[in-house]
Amino acid sequence: MFILVIRTFFLYFAVTFIMRMMGKKQIGQLEPFELVIALMISDLATYPMEDIRIPIIHAVIPIITLLFLQVSTSFIEIKSEKARRILTGNPSILIRDGKIDIEELRYQRFNITDLLEELRIKGYFNLSDIQYAILETSGQLSILPKTGISAATKDDLNINVTQESLPIPLIMDGNINYKNLELIKKDETWLNNVLKQHKIFNSNDLFIGMLDSNKKFYYQLREGKDKPL
């Protein structure tokens, strides 16, 4: 038992040192190849801790090899933009000029619920506030709000306003969310009337339709659908 504890201590500090040698970026934001290396290192360190018959050196040598591969790969990325694109890919624009890029969203296997969640985490609750949303190669979402959104607040200007509410998605990918309609105490007839006001006669034509935090109806048509006149 004492030997197992000693081996665990040694491997813990060895792996911590190796991860530290990989740089601060390794700890904060993992690129795809860095994530693979991190997972492989964790597996290599686990086996000698579980089975004392496995010499520690059998884990240390592959871990050091992976460190060498990671440092070499990072160096190649610095020197070659082409290699960087192959290994880490390119950022993807999910919202361009205030409009969701539906094809890119599907290509990245990112559904509208995921997008709305990421926007809320970043502090943006209305799609209408977003000019650009970029999915970085690390998986982080970068937001560029529309001009004026991040300007002086209403409190700064001493303007009395009512509290905004959470946006409510009502139509997502052509499907009506009846639960959210019930939540705002409305029915499908009311929703159809709202759509008609915007010259939309079929909810299937919408990629998303929602009430924003100011109770205004925001929508985007599916690709291939004509814009209402």
C-alpha atoms as a PDB file:
ATOM      1  CA  MET A   1       0.000   0.000   0.000  1.00  0.00           C
ATOM      2  CA  PHE A   2       2.848   2.384   0.898  1.00  0.00           C
ATOM      3  CA  ILE A   3       4.488   1.701  -2.482  1.00  0.00           C
ATOM      4  CA  LEU A   4       1.216   2.520  -4.266  1.00  0.00           C
ATOM      5  CA  VAL A   5       1.003   5.851  -2.424  1.00  0.00           C
ATOM      6  CA  ILE A   6       4.591   6.733  -3.330  1.00  0.00           C
ATOM      7  CA  ARG A   7       3.995   5.854  -7.009  1.00  0.00           C
ATOM      8  CA  THR A   8       0.851   7.997  -7.049  1.00  0.00           C
ATOM      9  CA  PHE A   9       2.702  10.965  -5.537  1.00  0.00           C
ATOM     10  CA  PHE A  10       5.515  10.630  -8.051  1.00  0.00           C
ATOM     11  CA  LEU A  11       3.187  10.353 -11.058  1.00  0.00           C
ATOM     12  CA  TYR A  12       1.061  13.254  -9.843  1.00  0.00           C
ATOM     13  CA  PHE A  13       4.000  15.638  -9.646  1.00  0.00           C
ATOM     14  CA  ALA A  14       5.504  14.260 -12.863  1.00  0.00           C
ATOM     15  CA  VAL A  15       2.283  14.825 -14.835  1.00  0.00           C
ATOM     16  CA  THR A  16       1.799  18.266 -13.239  1.00  0.00           C
ATOM     17  CA  PHE A  17       5.324  19.233 -14.299  1.00  0.00           C
ATOM     18  CA  ILE A  18       4.759  17.923 -17.842  1.00  0.00           C
ATOM     19  CA  MET A  19       1.482  19.846 -18.176  1.00  0.00           C
ATOM     20  CA  ARG A  20       3.232  22.965 -16.894  1.00  0.00           C
ATOM     21  CA  MET A  21       5.959  22.507 -19.497  1.00  0.00           C
ATOM     22  CA  MET A  22       3.300  22.497 -22.203  1.00  0.00           C
ATOM     23  CA  GLY A  23       2.530  26.125 -21.387  1.00  0.00           C
ATOM     24  CA  LYS A  24      -0.269  28.157 -19.832  1.00  0.00           C
ATOM     25  CA  LYS A  25      -2.467  27.778 -22.897  1.00  0.00           C
ATOM     26  CA  GLN A  26      -2.560  24.030 -22.268  1.00  0.00           C
ATOM     27  CA  ILE A  27      -4.289  24.647 -18.954  1.00  0.00           C
ATOM     28  CA  GLY A  28      -6.770  27.270 -20.130  1.00  0.00           C
ATOM     29  CA  GLN A  29      -7.884  26.535 -23.678  1.00  0.00           C
ATOM     30  CA  LEU A  30      -7.143  23.223 -25.353  1.00  0.00           C
ATOM     31  CA  GLU A  31      -6.761  22.945 -29.104  1.00  0.00           C
ATOM     32  CA  PRO A  32      -7.840  19.567 -30.580  1.00  0.00           C
ATOM     33  CA  PHE A  33      -4.319  18.082 -30.688  1.00  0.00           C
ATOM     34  CA  GLU A  34      -3.610  19.372 -27.163  1.00  0.00           C
ATOM     35  CA  LEU A  35      -6.763  17.728 -25.854  1.00  0.00           C
ATOM     36  CA  VAL A  36      -5.689  14.401 -27.397  1.00  0.00           C
ATOM     37  CA  ILE A  37      -2.276  14.670 -25.717  1.00  0.00           C
ATOM     38  CA  ALA A  38      -3.845  15.562 -22.354  1.00  0.00           C
ATOM     39  CA  LEU A  39      -6.159  12.534 -22.523  1.00  0.00           C
ATOM     40  CA  MET A  40      -3.312  10.219 -23.499  1.00  0.00           C
ATOM     41  CA  ILE A  41      -1.137  11.493 -20.645  1.00  0.00           C
ATOM     42  CA  SER A  42      -3.931  10.901 -18.130  1.00  0.00           C
ATOM     43  CA  ASP A  43      -4.339   7.309 -19.355  1.00  0.00           C
ATOM     44  CA  LEU A  44      -0.605   6.626 -19.281  1.00  0.00           C
ATOM     45  CA  ALA A  45      -0.349   7.908 -15.715  1.00  0.00           C
ATOM     46  CA  THR A  46      -3.337   5.877 -14.528  1.00  0.00           C
ATOM     47  CA  TYR A  47      -2.088   2.388 -15.399  1.00  0.00           C
ATOM     48  CA  PRO A  48       1.036   2.394 -13.158  1.00  0.00           C
ATOM     49  CA  MET A  49      -1.073   3.692 -10.269  1.00  0.00           C
ATOM     50  CA  GLU A  50      -3.572   0.862 -10.663  1.00  0.00           C
ATOM     51  CA  ASP A  51      -1.032  -1.911 -11.250  1.00  0.00           C
ATOM     52  CA  ILE A  52       2.232  -1.819  -9.256  1.00  0.00           C
ATOM     53  CA  ARG A  53       3.629  -4.529 -11.544  1.00  0.00           C
ATOM     54  CA  ILE A  54       3.991  -1.926 -14.307  1.00  0.00           C
ATOM     55  CA  PRO A  55       7.317  -0.052 -13.965  1.00  0.00           C
ATOM     56  CA  ILE A  56       6.864   3.691 -13.620  1.00  0.00           C
ATOM     57  CA  ILE A  57       9.401   4.231 -16.375  1.00  0.00           C
ATOM     58  CA  HIS A  58       6.940   2.606 -18.803  1.00  0.00           C
ATOM     59  CA  ALA A  59       4.650   5.579 -18.201  1.00  0.00           C
ATOM     60  CA  VAL A  60       7.263   8.309 -17.858  1.00  0.00           C
ATOM     61  CA  ILE A  61       8.966   7.666 -21.219  1.00  0.00           C
ATOM     62  CA  PRO A  62       5.704   7.839 -23.292  1.00  0.00           C
ATOM     63  CA  ILE A  63       4.626  10.945 -21.346  1.00  0.00           C
ATOM     64  CA  ILE A  64       7.928  12.683 -22.101  1.00  0.00           C
ATOM     65  CA  THR A  65       7.538  11.606 -25.744  1.00  0.00           C
ATOM     66  CA  LEU A  66       4.103  13.227 -25.824  1.00  0.00           C
ATOM     67  CA  LEU A  67       5.609  16.386 -24.330  1.00  0.00           C
ATOM     68  CA  PHE A  68       8.152  16.412 -27.160  1.00  0.00           C
ATOM     69  CA  LEU A  69       5.363  15.939 -29.729  1.00  0.00           C
ATOM     70  CA  GLN A  70       3.316  18.757 -28.216  1.00  0.00           C
ATOM     71  CA  VAL A  71       6.242  21.205 -28.151  1.00  0.00           C
ATOM     72  CA  SER A  72       7.250  20.223 -31.701  1.00  0.00           C
ATOM     73  CA  THR A  73       3.690  20.602 -32.977  1.00  0.00           C
ATOM     74  CA  SER A  74       3.342  24.012 -31.345  1.00  0.00           C
ATOM     75  CA  PHE A  75       6.623  25.119 -32.933  1.00  0.00           C
ATOM     76  CA  ILE A  76       5.436  23.936 -36.360  1.00  0.00           C
ATOM     77  CA  GLU A  77       2.179  25.858 -35.879  1.00  0.00           C
ATOM     78  CA  ILE A  78       4.134  29.030 -35.137  1.00  0.00           C
ATOM     79  CA  LYS A  79       6.224  28.639 -38.278  1.00  0.00           C
ATOM     80  CA  SER A  80       3.539  27.440 -40.709  1.00  0.00           C
ATOM     81  CA  GLU A  81       0.090  28.910 -41.155  1.00  0.00           C
ATOM     82  CA  LYS A  82      -0.908  25.944 -43.344  1.00  0.00           C
ATOM     83  CA  ALA A  83       0.058  23.489 -40.606  1.00  0.00           C
ATOM     84  CA  ARG A  84      -1.880  25.591 -38.102  1.00  0.00           C
ATOM     85  CA  ARG A  85      -5.027  25.382 -40.241  1.00  0.00           C
ATOM     86  CA  ILE A  86      -4.653  21.597 -40.585  1.00  0.00           C
ATOM     87  CA  LEU A  87      -4.018  20.958 -36.892  1.00  0.00           C
ATOM     88  CA  THR A  88      -6.374  23.460 -35.256  1.00  0.00           C
ATOM     89  CA  GLY A  89      -8.731  24.549 -38.042  1.00  0.00           C
ATOM     90  CA  ASN A  90     -10.152  28.027 -38.589  1.00  0.00           C
ATOM     91  CA  PRO A  91     -12.608  30.084 -36.554  1.00  0.00           C
ATOM     92  CA  SER A  92     -16.219  29.757 -37.739  1.00  0.00           C
ATOM     93  CA  ILE A  93     -18.599  32.700 -38.039  1.00  0.00           C
ATOM     94  CA  LEU A  94     -21.987  31.623 -36.649  1.00  0.00           C
ATOM     95  CA  ILE A  95     -23.619  35.071 -36.795  1.00  0.00           C
ATOM     96  CA  ARG A  96     -22.600  37.387 -39.627  1.00  0.00           C
ATOM     97  CA  ASP A  97     -23.913  40.959 -39.936  1.00  0.00           C
ATOM     98  CA  GLY A  98     -26.634  40.206 -37.393  1.00  0.00           C
ATOM     99  CA  LYS A  99     -27.866  37.088 -39.213  1.00  0.00           C
ATOM    100  CA  ILE A 100     -27.372  33.477 -38.151  1.00  0.00           C
ATOM    101  CA  ASP A 101     -25.375  31.420 -40.650  1.00  0.00           C
ATOM    102  CA  ILE A 102     -27.613  28.339 -40.598  1.00  0.00           C
ATOM    103  CA  GLU A 103     -25.363  26.199 -42.789  1.00  0.00           C
ATOM    104  CA  GLU A 104     -22.296  26.922 -40.650  1.00  0.00           C
ATOM    105  CA  LEU A 105     -24.310  26.244 -37.515  1.00  0.00           C
ATOM    106  CA  ARG A 106     -25.252  22.807 -38.817  1.00  0.00           C
ATOM    107  CA  TYR A 107     -21.742  22.099 -40.108  1.00  0.00           C
ATOM    108  CA  GLN A 108     -20.365  22.739 -36.617  1.00  0.00           C
ATOM    109  CA  ARG A 109     -23.174  20.572 -35.144  1.00  0.00           C
ATOM    110  CA  PHE A 110     -24.264  23.585 -33.108  1.00  0.00           C
ATOM    111  CA  ASN A 111     -28.025  23.798 -32.560  1.00  0.00           C
ATOM    112  CA  ILE A 112     -29.895  27.007 -31.871  1.00  0.00           C
ATOM    113  CA  THR A 113     -30.347  26.094 -28.190  1.00  0.00           C
ATOM    114  CA  ASP A 114     -26.573  25.761 -27.780  1.00  0.00           C
ATOM    115  CA  LEU A 115     -26.041  29.117 -29.488  1.00  0.00           C
ATOM    116  CA  LEU A 116     -28.560  30.914 -27.275  1.00  0.00           C
ATOM    117  CA  GLU A 117     -26.982  29.348 -24.184  1.00  0.00           C
ATOM    118  CA  GLU A 118     -23.499  30.506 -25.186  1.00  0.00           C
ATOM    119  CA  LEU A 119     -24.793  34.011 -25.858  1.00  0.00           C
ATOM    120  CA  ARG A 120     -26.445  34.139 -22.421  1.00  0.00           C
ATOM    121  CA  ILE A 121     -23.201  33.005 -20.781  1.00  0.00           C
ATOM    122  CA  LYS A 122     -21.476  35.925 -22.496  1.00  0.00           C
ATOM    123  CA  GLY A 123     -24.165  38.285 -21.180  1.00  0.00           C
ATOM    124  CA  TYR A 124     -26.209  38.738 -24.376  1.00  0.00           C
ATOM    125  CA  PHE A 125     -29.836  37.698 -24.239  1.00  0.00           C
ATOM    126  CA  ASN A 126     -31.128  39.083 -27.531  1.00  0.00           C
ATOM    127  CA  LEU A 127     -30.024  37.836 -30.926  1.00  0.00           C
ATOM    128  CA  SER A 128     -30.850  41.261 -32.296  1.00  0.00           C
ATOM    129  CA  ASP A 129     -27.970  42.686 -30.221  1.00  0.00           C
ATOM    130  CA  ILE A 130     -25.325  40.588 -31.985  1.00  0.00           C
ATOM    131  CA  GLN A 131     -23.398  41.719 -35.062  1.00  0.00           C
ATOM    132  CA  TYR A 132     -20.902  38.841 -35.155  1.00  0.00           C
ATOM    133  CA  ALA A 133     -20.517  35.610 -33.189  1.00  0.00           C
ATOM    134  CA  ILE A 134     -17.347  33.629 -33.906  1.00  0.00           C
ATOM    135  CA  LEU A 135     -16.700  30.071 -32.756  1.00  0.00           C
ATOM    136  CA  GLU A 136     -12.975  29.966 -32.040  1.00  0.00           C
ATOM    137  CA  THR A 137     -10.804  26.888 -32.621  1.00  0.00           C
ATOM    138  CA  SER A 138     -10.658  26.384 -28.838  1.00  0.00           C
ATOM    139  CA  GLY A 139     -14.456  26.083 -28.717  1.00  0.00           C
ATOM    140  CA  GLN A 140     -14.933  29.507 -27.123  1.00  0.00           C
ATOM    141  CA  LEU A 141     -17.522  31.891 -28.570  1.00  0.00           C
ATOM    142  CA  SER A 142     -16.381  35.468 -29.292  1.00  0.00           C
ATOM    143  CA  ILE A 143     -19.068  38.151 -29.533  1.00  0.00           C
ATOM    144  CA  LEU A 144     -19.052  41.492 -31.342  1.00  0.00           C
ATOM    145  CA  PRO A 145     -22.238  43.368 -30.347  1.00  0.00           C
ATOM    146  CA  LYS A 146     -23.923  45.875 -32.604  1.00  0.00           C
ATOM    147  CA  THR A 147     -22.774  49.465 -32.317  1.00  0.00           C
ATOM    148  CA  GLY A 148     -24.336  51.164 -29.323  1.00  0.00           C
ATOM    149  CA  ILE A 149     -25.136  48.009 -27.362  1.00  0.00           C
ATOM    150  CA  SER A 150     -22.124  48.409 -25.086  1.00  0.00           C
ATOM    151  CA  ALA A 151     -22.402  52.172 -24.856  1.00  0.00           C
ATOM    152  CA  ALA A 152     -23.559  54.164 -21.816  1.00  0.00           C
ATOM    153  CA  THR A 153     -26.236  52.394 -19.779  1.00  0.00           C
ATOM    154  CA  LYS A 154     -29.629  53.863 -19.002  1.00  0.00           C
ATOM    155  CA  ASP A 155     -28.554  54.237 -15.372  1.00  0.00           C
ATOM    156  CA  ASP A 156     -25.608  56.355 -16.560  1.00  0.00           C
ATOM    157  CA  LEU A 157     -28.086  58.658 -18.311  1.00  0.00           C
ATOM    158  CA  ASN A 158     -30.494  58.687 -15.321  1.00  0.00           C
ATOM    159  CA  ILE A 159     -33.323  57.298 -17.438  1.00  0.00           C
ATOM    160  CA  ASN A 160     -36.116  55.473 -15.618  1.00  0.00           C
ATOM    161  CA  VAL A 161     -36.948  52.203 -17.336  1.00  0.00           C
ATOM    162  CA  THR A 162     -38.820  49.026 -16.525  1.00  0.00           C
ATOM    163  CA  GLN A 163     -36.898  45.826 -15.842  1.00  0.00           C
ATOM    164  CA  GLU A 164     -36.243  43.715 -18.944  1.00  0.00           C
ATOM    165  CA  SER A 165     -37.323  40.075 -18.959  1.00  0.00           C
ATOM    166  CA  LEU A 166     -35.736  36.935 -20.336  1.00  0.00           C
ATOM    167  CA  PRO A 167     -36.148  36.293 -24.083  1.00  0.00           C
ATOM    168  CA  ILE A 168     -38.650  33.510 -24.861  1.00  0.00           C
ATOM    169  CA  PRO A 169     -38.055  31.277 -27.930  1.00  0.00           C
ATOM    170  CA  LEU A 170     -41.423  30.531 -29.547  1.00  0.00           C
ATOM    171  CA  ILE A 171     -40.375  28.891 -32.834  1.00  0.00           C
ATOM    172  CA  MET A 172     -37.157  26.943 -33.277  1.00  0.00           C
ATOM    173  CA  ASP A 173     -36.265  25.408 -36.626  1.00  0.00           C
ATOM    174  CA  GLY A 174     -39.908  25.644 -37.740  1.00  0.00           C
ATOM    175  CA  ASN A 175     -41.328  23.989 -34.601  1.00  0.00           C
ATOM    176  CA  ILE A 176     -43.634  25.898 -32.276  1.00  0.00           C
ATOM    177  CA  ASN A 177     -42.715  25.726 -28.591  1.00  0.00           C
ATOM    178  CA  TYR A 178     -46.154  25.356 -26.997  1.00  0.00           C
ATOM    179  CA  LYS A 179     -44.700  25.200 -23.494  1.00  0.00           C
ATOM    180  CA  ASN A 180     -43.208  28.674 -23.878  1.00  0.00           C
ATOM    181  CA  LEU A 181     -46.482  29.948 -25.348  1.00  0.00           C
ATOM    182  CA  GLU A 182     -48.237  28.688 -22.241  1.00  0.00           C
ATOM    183  CA  LEU A 183     -45.551  30.320 -20.104  1.00  0.00           C
ATOM    184  CA  ILE A 184     -46.359  33.766 -21.510  1.00  0.00           C
ATOM    185  CA  LYS A 185     -50.104  32.950 -21.400  1.00  0.00           C
ATOM    186  CA  LYS A 186     -50.572  33.054 -25.151  1.00  0.00           C
ATOM    187  CA  ASP A 187     -51.876  30.540 -27.676  1.00  0.00           C
ATOM    188  CA  GLU A 188     -51.176  29.510 -31.261  1.00  0.00           C
ATOM    189  CA  THR A 189     -53.820  31.912 -32.579  1.00  0.00           C
ATOM    190  CA  TRP A 190     -51.972  34.819 -31.009  1.00  0.00           C
ATOM    191  CA  LEU A 191     -48.700  33.575 -32.489  1.00  0.00           C
ATOM    192  CA  ASN A 192     -50.223  33.244 -35.954  1.00  0.00           C
ATOM    193  CA  ASN A 193     -51.499  36.803 -35.731  1.00  0.00           C
ATOM    194  CA  VAL A 194     -47.998  38.005 -34.815  1.00  0.00           C
ATOM    195  CA  LEU A 195     -46.579  36.140 -37.792  1.00  0.00           C
ATOM    196  CA  LYS A 196     -49.169  37.647 -40.121  1.00  0.00           C
ATOM    197  CA  GLN A 197     -48.202  41.128 -38.908  1.00  0.00           C
ATOM    198  CA  HIS A 198     -44.738  40.340 -40.253  1.00  0.00           C
ATOM    199  CA  LYS A 199     -46.233  38.850 -43.439  1.00  0.00           C
ATOM    200  CA  ILE A 200     -45.266  35.302 -42.466  1.00  0.00           C
ATOM    201  CA  PHE A 201     -48.015  32.770 -43.064  1.00  0.00           C
ATOM    202  CA  ASN A 202     -46.332  29.533 -42.069  1.00  0.00           C
ATOM    203  CA  SER A 203     -44.269  28.930 -38.927  1.00  0.00           C
ATOM    204  CA  ASN A 204     -42.253  26.325 -40.861  1.00  0.00           C
ATOM    205  CA  ASP A 205     -40.693  29.200 -42.817  1.00  0.00           C
ATOM    206  CA  LEU A 206     -38.884  30.408 -39.669  1.00  0.00           C
ATOM    207  CA  PHE A 207     -35.532  29.202 -38.409  1.00  0.00           C
ATOM    208  CA  ILE A 208     -36.161  31.032 -35.144  1.00  0.00           C
ATOM    209  CA  GLY A 209     -38.868  33.291 -33.772  1.00  0.00           C
ATOM    210  CA  MET A 210     -38.751  34.694 -30.260  1.00  0.00           C
ATOM    211  CA  LEU A 211     -39.824  37.477 -27.942  1.00  0.00           C
ATOM    212  CA  ASP A 212     -36.745  39.431 -26.928  1.00  0.00           C
ATOM    213  CA  SER A 213     -36.161  41.006 -23.532  1.00  0.00           C
ATOM    214  CA  ASN A 214     -38.155  44.070 -24.638  1.00  0.00           C
ATOM    215  CA  LYS A 215     -41.121  41.896 -25.687  1.00  0.00           C
ATOM    216  CA  LYS A 216     -40.428  42.579 -29.355  1.00  0.00           C
ATOM    217  CA  PHE A 217     -40.790  39.734 -31.851  1.00  0.00           C
ATOM    218  CA  TYR A 218     -37.466  38.769 -33.415  1.00  0.00           C
ATOM    219  CA  TYR A 219     -37.264  36.256 -36.242  1.00  0.00           C
ATOM    220  CA  GLN A 220     -35.071  34.836 -38.972  1.00  0.00           C
ATOM    221  CA  LEU A 221     -36.320  32.955 -41.982  1.00  0.00           C
ATOM    222  CA  ARG A 222     -35.001  29.565 -43.037  1.00  0.00           C
ATOM    223  CA  GLU A 223     -32.468  29.589 -45.835  1.00  0.00           C
ATOM    224  CA  GLY A 224     -34.098  29.549 -49.247  1.00  0.00           C
ATOM    225  CA  LYS A 225     -37.217  31.296 -48.012  1.00  0.00           C
ATOM    226  CA  ASP A 226     -38.131  34.656 -49.493  1.00  0.00           C
ATOM    227  CA  LYS A 227     -38.078  37.640 -47.176  1.00  0.00           C
ATOM    228  CA  PRO A 228     -41.484  39.154 -46.484  1.00  0.00           C
ATOM    229  CA  LEU A 229     -42.212  42.281 -48.478  1.00  0.00           C
END
